[in-house]
Amino acid sequence: MRTVNEAGKVAEPVEVKVAPESRARRREGDRRGQGAMRGSGRPRARINWRDFDKLCGLQATQEEIAWWFGCSVDTLERACQRDQGRGFAEYAQQKHRVYG
């Protein structure tokens, strides 16, 4: 197809070469600029510490408590470390003394 430019001359079409996208970028989508999407991962498990304390008082195991809250044992351990400042065993032992 020929087009006419402003000067009235016939302009030849120009072929533009574009670098092909990498397969990974096409498959996963463009991952640049996702800084605004912070916190869009899986939400943290919610632990009701009052229920947790009662379960410890009943001498429930770590597996039973994890089942109660619908999370894994590792998630329960991380939640104890994050929210209570100590691991599951230490926190549960303290609560067993209080309620036991």
N, C-alpha and C. Protein backbone atom coordinates (compact mmCIF):
# COMPACT_ATOMS: atom_id res chain seq x y z
N MET A 1 0.85 -1.18 0.00
CA MET A 1 0.00 0.00 0.00
C MET A 1 0.89 1.24 0.00
N ARG A 2 0.59 2.15 -0.86
CA ARG A 2 1.38 3.37 -0.95
C ARG A 2 0.57 4.54 -0.39
N THR A 3 1.27 5.40 0.32
CA THR A 3 0.62 6.59 0.88
C THR A 3 1.33 7.82 0.37
N VAL A 4 0.64 8.92 0.41
CA VAL A 4 1.21 10.19 -0.06
C VAL A 4 1.51 11.04 1.17
N ASN A 5 2.77 11.57 1.24
CA ASN A 5 3.13 12.41 2.38
C ASN A 5 2.72 13.86 2.13
N GLU A 6 3.07 14.75 3.04
CA GLU A 6 2.64 16.15 2.96
C GLU A 6 3.17 16.87 1.73
N ALA A 7 4.33 16.46 1.25
CA ALA A 7 4.93 17.12 0.08
C ALA A 7 4.34 16.61 -1.22
N GLY A 8 3.46 15.64 -1.16
CA GLY A 8 2.83 15.13 -2.35
C GLY A 8 3.59 13.99 -2.98
N LYS A 9 4.64 13.53 -2.33
CA LYS A 9 5.42 12.44 -2.87
C LYS A 9 4.90 11.12 -2.30
N VAL A 10 5.11 10.09 -3.05
CA VAL A 10 4.68 8.77 -2.62
C VAL A 10 5.68 8.24 -1.60
N ALA A 11 5.16 7.82 -0.46
CA ALA A 11 6.03 7.30 0.60
C ALA A 11 5.95 5.78 0.59
N GLU A 12 7.10 5.17 0.67
CA GLU A 12 7.15 3.72 0.71
C GLU A 12 6.88 3.25 2.14
N PRO A 13 6.18 2.16 2.32
CA PRO A 13 5.93 1.65 3.67
C PRO A 13 7.24 1.18 4.32
N VAL A 14 7.33 1.42 5.59
CA VAL A 14 8.52 1.05 6.34
C VAL A 14 8.17 -0.14 7.24
N GLU A 15 9.01 -1.12 7.18
CA GLU A 15 8.78 -2.30 8.00
C GLU A 15 9.46 -2.09 9.36
N VAL A 16 8.70 -2.24 10.41
CA VAL A 16 9.23 -2.05 11.76
C VAL A 16 9.46 -3.42 12.38
N LYS A 17 10.68 -3.62 12.85
CA LYS A 17 10.99 -4.88 13.50
C LYS A 17 10.90 -4.71 15.01
N VAL A 18 10.15 -5.58 15.63
CA VAL A 18 9.97 -5.54 17.09
C VAL A 18 10.60 -6.80 17.67
N ALA A 19 11.36 -6.62 18.72
CA ALA A 19 12.00 -7.78 19.36
C ALA A 19 10.92 -8.69 19.92
N PRO A 20 11.03 -9.97 19.71
CA PRO A 20 10.02 -10.89 20.24
C PRO A 20 10.07 -10.93 21.76
N GLU A 21 8.91 -11.09 22.36
CA GLU A 21 8.85 -11.19 23.82
C GLU A 21 9.43 -12.53 24.25
N SER A 22 10.00 -12.53 25.41
CA SER A 22 10.51 -13.81 25.91
C SER A 22 9.32 -14.71 26.25
N ARG A 23 9.54 -15.99 26.20
CA ARG A 23 8.46 -16.92 26.51
C ARG A 23 7.98 -16.76 27.94
N ALA A 24 8.94 -16.54 28.85
CA ALA A 24 8.57 -16.40 30.25
C ALA A 24 7.67 -15.19 30.46
N ARG A 25 7.97 -14.08 29.80
CA ARG A 25 7.17 -12.87 29.98
C ARG A 25 5.77 -13.06 29.42
N ARG A 26 5.67 -13.74 28.29
CA ARG A 26 4.34 -14.00 27.73
C ARG A 26 3.54 -14.93 28.62
N ARG A 27 4.21 -15.94 29.17
CA ARG A 27 3.52 -16.94 29.98
C ARG A 27 3.10 -16.35 31.32
N GLU A 28 3.97 -15.59 31.96
CA GLU A 28 3.69 -15.07 33.30
C GLU A 28 3.13 -13.66 33.30
N GLY A 29 3.16 -13.00 32.19
CA GLY A 29 2.71 -11.62 32.16
C GLY A 29 3.85 -10.70 32.54
N ASP A 30 3.72 -9.45 32.24
CA ASP A 30 4.77 -8.49 32.53
C ASP A 30 4.79 -8.21 34.03
N ARG A 31 5.87 -8.51 34.69
CA ARG A 31 5.95 -8.39 36.15
C ARG A 31 6.56 -7.06 36.60
N ARG A 32 6.86 -6.20 35.67
CA ARG A 32 7.44 -4.91 36.08
C ARG A 32 6.36 -4.01 36.67
N GLY A 33 6.74 -3.18 37.61
CA GLY A 33 5.82 -2.20 38.17
C GLY A 33 4.81 -2.78 39.15
N GLN A 34 5.14 -3.87 39.81
CA GLN A 34 4.20 -4.44 40.76
C GLN A 34 4.42 -3.95 42.17
N GLY A 35 5.21 -2.91 42.35
CA GLY A 35 5.43 -2.37 43.68
C GLY A 35 4.15 -1.87 44.33
N ALA A 36 3.19 -1.45 43.53
CA ALA A 36 1.92 -0.95 44.06
C ALA A 36 1.03 -2.08 44.55
N MET A 37 1.39 -3.34 44.23
CA MET A 37 0.54 -4.46 44.59
C MET A 37 1.04 -5.17 45.84
N ARG A 38 1.83 -4.52 46.66
CA ARG A 38 2.33 -5.14 47.88
C ARG A 38 1.16 -5.57 48.75
N GLY A 39 1.32 -6.70 49.40
CA GLY A 39 0.27 -7.20 50.27
C GLY A 39 -0.84 -7.92 49.55
N SER A 40 -0.61 -8.23 48.29
CA SER A 40 -1.68 -8.90 47.54
C SER A 40 -1.54 -10.41 47.59
N GLY A 41 -0.65 -10.92 48.44
CA GLY A 41 -0.48 -12.36 48.57
C GLY A 41 -1.57 -12.97 49.43
N ARG A 42 -1.31 -14.17 49.87
CA ARG A 42 -2.28 -14.87 50.70
C ARG A 42 -2.42 -14.18 52.05
N PRO A 43 -3.63 -13.99 52.53
CA PRO A 43 -3.81 -13.32 53.83
C PRO A 43 -3.29 -14.18 54.97
N ARG A 44 -2.85 -13.53 56.03
CA ARG A 44 -2.34 -14.24 57.19
C ARG A 44 -3.46 -15.01 57.89
N ALA A 45 -3.07 -16.11 58.51
CA ALA A 45 -4.03 -16.90 59.28
C ALA A 45 -4.44 -16.09 60.51
N ARG A 46 -5.71 -16.10 60.81
CA ARG A 46 -6.20 -15.38 61.99
C ARG A 46 -6.25 -16.33 63.17
N ILE A 47 -5.56 -15.95 64.22
CA ILE A 47 -5.49 -16.77 65.43
C ILE A 47 -6.21 -16.00 66.53
N ASN A 48 -7.24 -16.60 67.08
CA ASN A 48 -7.94 -16.02 68.23
C ASN A 48 -7.19 -16.49 69.47
N TRP A 49 -6.43 -15.58 70.07
CA TRP A 49 -5.53 -15.98 71.15
C TRP A 49 -6.31 -16.40 72.41
N ARG A 50 -7.50 -15.94 72.57
CA ARG A 50 -8.31 -16.39 73.71
C ARG A 50 -8.67 -17.87 73.55
N ASP A 51 -9.11 -18.25 72.33
CA ASP A 51 -9.39 -19.67 72.05
C ASP A 51 -8.11 -20.50 72.15
N PHE A 52 -7.02 -19.93 71.64
CA PHE A 52 -5.73 -20.62 71.71
C PHE A 52 -5.36 -20.93 73.16
N ASP A 53 -5.53 -19.95 74.03
CA ASP A 53 -5.21 -20.14 75.44
C ASP A 53 -6.09 -21.21 76.08
N LYS A 54 -7.36 -21.22 75.73
CA LYS A 54 -8.28 -22.23 76.28
C LYS A 54 -7.89 -23.63 75.80
N LEU A 55 -7.53 -23.74 74.53
CA LEU A 55 -7.11 -25.04 74.00
C LEU A 55 -5.82 -25.52 74.67
N CYS A 56 -4.92 -24.60 74.96
CA CYS A 56 -3.70 -24.97 75.69
C CYS A 56 -4.05 -25.44 77.09
N GLY A 57 -5.03 -24.80 77.70
CA GLY A 57 -5.47 -25.21 79.04
C GLY A 57 -6.08 -26.60 79.05
N LEU A 58 -6.64 -27.01 77.91
CA LEU A 58 -7.20 -28.35 77.78
C LEU A 58 -6.14 -29.36 77.35
N GLN A 59 -4.89 -28.93 77.29
CA GLN A 59 -3.74 -29.74 76.88
C GLN A 59 -3.88 -30.27 75.46
N ALA A 60 -4.43 -29.46 74.58
CA ALA A 60 -4.53 -29.83 73.16
C ALA A 60 -3.12 -29.79 72.56
N THR A 61 -2.86 -30.70 71.62
CA THR A 61 -1.56 -30.73 70.96
C THR A 61 -1.47 -29.61 69.93
N GLN A 62 -0.26 -29.39 69.45
CA GLN A 62 -0.06 -28.35 68.44
C GLN A 62 -0.83 -28.71 67.17
N GLU A 63 -0.88 -29.98 66.81
CA GLU A 63 -1.61 -30.41 65.62
C GLU A 63 -3.11 -30.15 65.78
N GLU A 64 -3.63 -30.41 66.98
CA GLU A 64 -5.06 -30.18 67.23
C GLU A 64 -5.41 -28.70 67.18
N ILE A 65 -4.53 -27.89 67.73
CA ILE A 65 -4.78 -26.44 67.71
C ILE A 65 -4.70 -25.91 66.29
N ALA A 66 -3.72 -26.40 65.52
CA ALA A 66 -3.60 -25.99 64.11
C ALA A 66 -4.85 -26.39 63.34
N TRP A 67 -5.36 -27.60 63.58
CA TRP A 67 -6.59 -28.05 62.93
C TRP A 67 -7.75 -27.12 63.31
N TRP A 68 -7.84 -26.74 64.57
CA TRP A 68 -8.92 -25.88 65.06
C TRP A 68 -8.96 -24.55 64.28
N PHE A 69 -7.78 -23.98 64.03
CA PHE A 69 -7.71 -22.69 63.33
C PHE A 69 -7.61 -22.84 61.81
N GLY A 70 -7.55 -24.07 61.32
CA GLY A 70 -7.51 -24.29 59.88
C GLY A 70 -6.20 -23.86 59.24
N CYS A 71 -5.09 -24.12 59.92
CA CYS A 71 -3.79 -23.77 59.37
C CYS A 71 -2.81 -24.92 59.63
N SER A 72 -1.61 -24.78 59.15
CA SER A 72 -0.61 -25.81 59.36
C SER A 72 0.11 -25.57 60.69
N VAL A 73 0.84 -26.58 61.13
CA VAL A 73 1.62 -26.47 62.36
C VAL A 73 2.69 -25.39 62.20
N ASP A 74 3.30 -25.32 61.02
CA ASP A 74 4.32 -24.30 60.77
C ASP A 74 3.74 -22.89 60.83
N THR A 75 2.54 -22.72 60.28
CA THR A 75 1.88 -21.41 60.34
C THR A 75 1.58 -21.03 61.78
N LEU A 76 1.14 -21.99 62.57
CA LEU A 76 0.85 -21.74 63.98
C LEU A 76 2.13 -21.32 64.72
N GLU A 77 3.22 -21.99 64.43
CA GLU A 77 4.51 -21.66 65.04
C GLU A 77 4.93 -20.24 64.68
N ARG A 78 4.80 -19.89 63.39
CA ARG A 78 5.15 -18.53 62.96
C ARG A 78 4.26 -17.48 63.60
N ALA A 79 2.97 -17.78 63.75
CA ALA A 79 2.05 -16.83 64.37
C ALA A 79 2.42 -16.60 65.83
N CYS A 80 2.78 -17.67 66.52
CA CYS A 80 3.22 -17.52 67.92
C CYS A 80 4.46 -16.64 68.00
N GLN A 81 5.41 -16.91 67.12
CA GLN A 81 6.65 -16.13 67.12
C GLN A 81 6.38 -14.67 66.78
N ARG A 82 5.50 -14.44 65.81
CA ARG A 82 5.21 -13.08 65.36
C ARG A 82 4.39 -12.29 66.38
N ASP A 83 3.31 -12.89 66.90
CA ASP A 83 2.38 -12.15 67.75
C ASP A 83 2.71 -12.22 69.23
N GLN A 84 3.30 -13.33 69.69
CA GLN A 84 3.54 -13.49 71.12
C GLN A 84 5.02 -13.36 71.48
N GLY A 85 5.89 -13.34 70.50
CA GLY A 85 7.31 -13.14 70.75
C GLY A 85 8.04 -14.38 71.24
N ARG A 86 7.41 -15.54 71.17
CA ARG A 86 8.07 -16.80 71.55
C ARG A 86 7.42 -17.94 70.79
N GLY A 87 8.10 -19.07 70.77
CA GLY A 87 7.61 -20.22 70.02
C GLY A 87 6.39 -20.86 70.66
N PHE A 88 5.81 -21.82 69.93
CA PHE A 88 4.59 -22.48 70.40
C PHE A 88 4.80 -23.18 71.73
N ALA A 89 5.89 -23.97 71.85
CA ALA A 89 6.10 -24.77 73.05
C ALA A 89 6.21 -23.90 74.30
N GLU A 90 6.97 -22.83 74.20
CA GLU A 90 7.15 -21.95 75.35
C GLU A 90 5.83 -21.25 75.72
N TYR A 91 5.11 -20.76 74.73
CA TYR A 91 3.85 -20.07 74.99
C TYR A 91 2.80 -21.03 75.54
N ALA A 92 2.71 -22.23 74.96
CA ALA A 92 1.72 -23.20 75.41
C ALA A 92 2.03 -23.67 76.83
N GLN A 93 3.30 -23.83 77.14
CA GLN A 93 3.69 -24.25 78.49
C GLN A 93 3.28 -23.20 79.51
N GLN A 94 3.48 -21.95 79.20
CA GLN A 94 3.08 -20.86 80.09
C GLN A 94 1.57 -20.87 80.28
N LYS A 95 0.79 -21.05 79.22
CA LYS A 95 -0.67 -21.04 79.32
C LYS A 95 -1.18 -22.28 80.04
N HIS A 96 -0.47 -23.39 79.93
CA HIS A 96 -0.87 -24.60 80.64
C HIS A 96 -0.75 -24.37 82.14
N ARG A 97 0.28 -23.64 82.54
CA ARG A 97 0.44 -23.34 83.97
C ARG A 97 -0.68 -22.45 84.47
N VAL A 98 -1.11 -21.49 83.64
CA VAL A 98 -2.15 -20.56 84.04
C VAL A 98 -3.49 -21.27 84.17
N TYR A 99 -3.84 -22.08 83.16
CA TYR A 99 -5.16 -22.72 83.13
C TYR A 99 -5.15 -24.10 83.77
N GLY A 100 -4.00 -24.75 83.91
CA GLY A 100 -3.94 -26.14 84.37
C GLY A 100 -3.90 -26.31 85.82
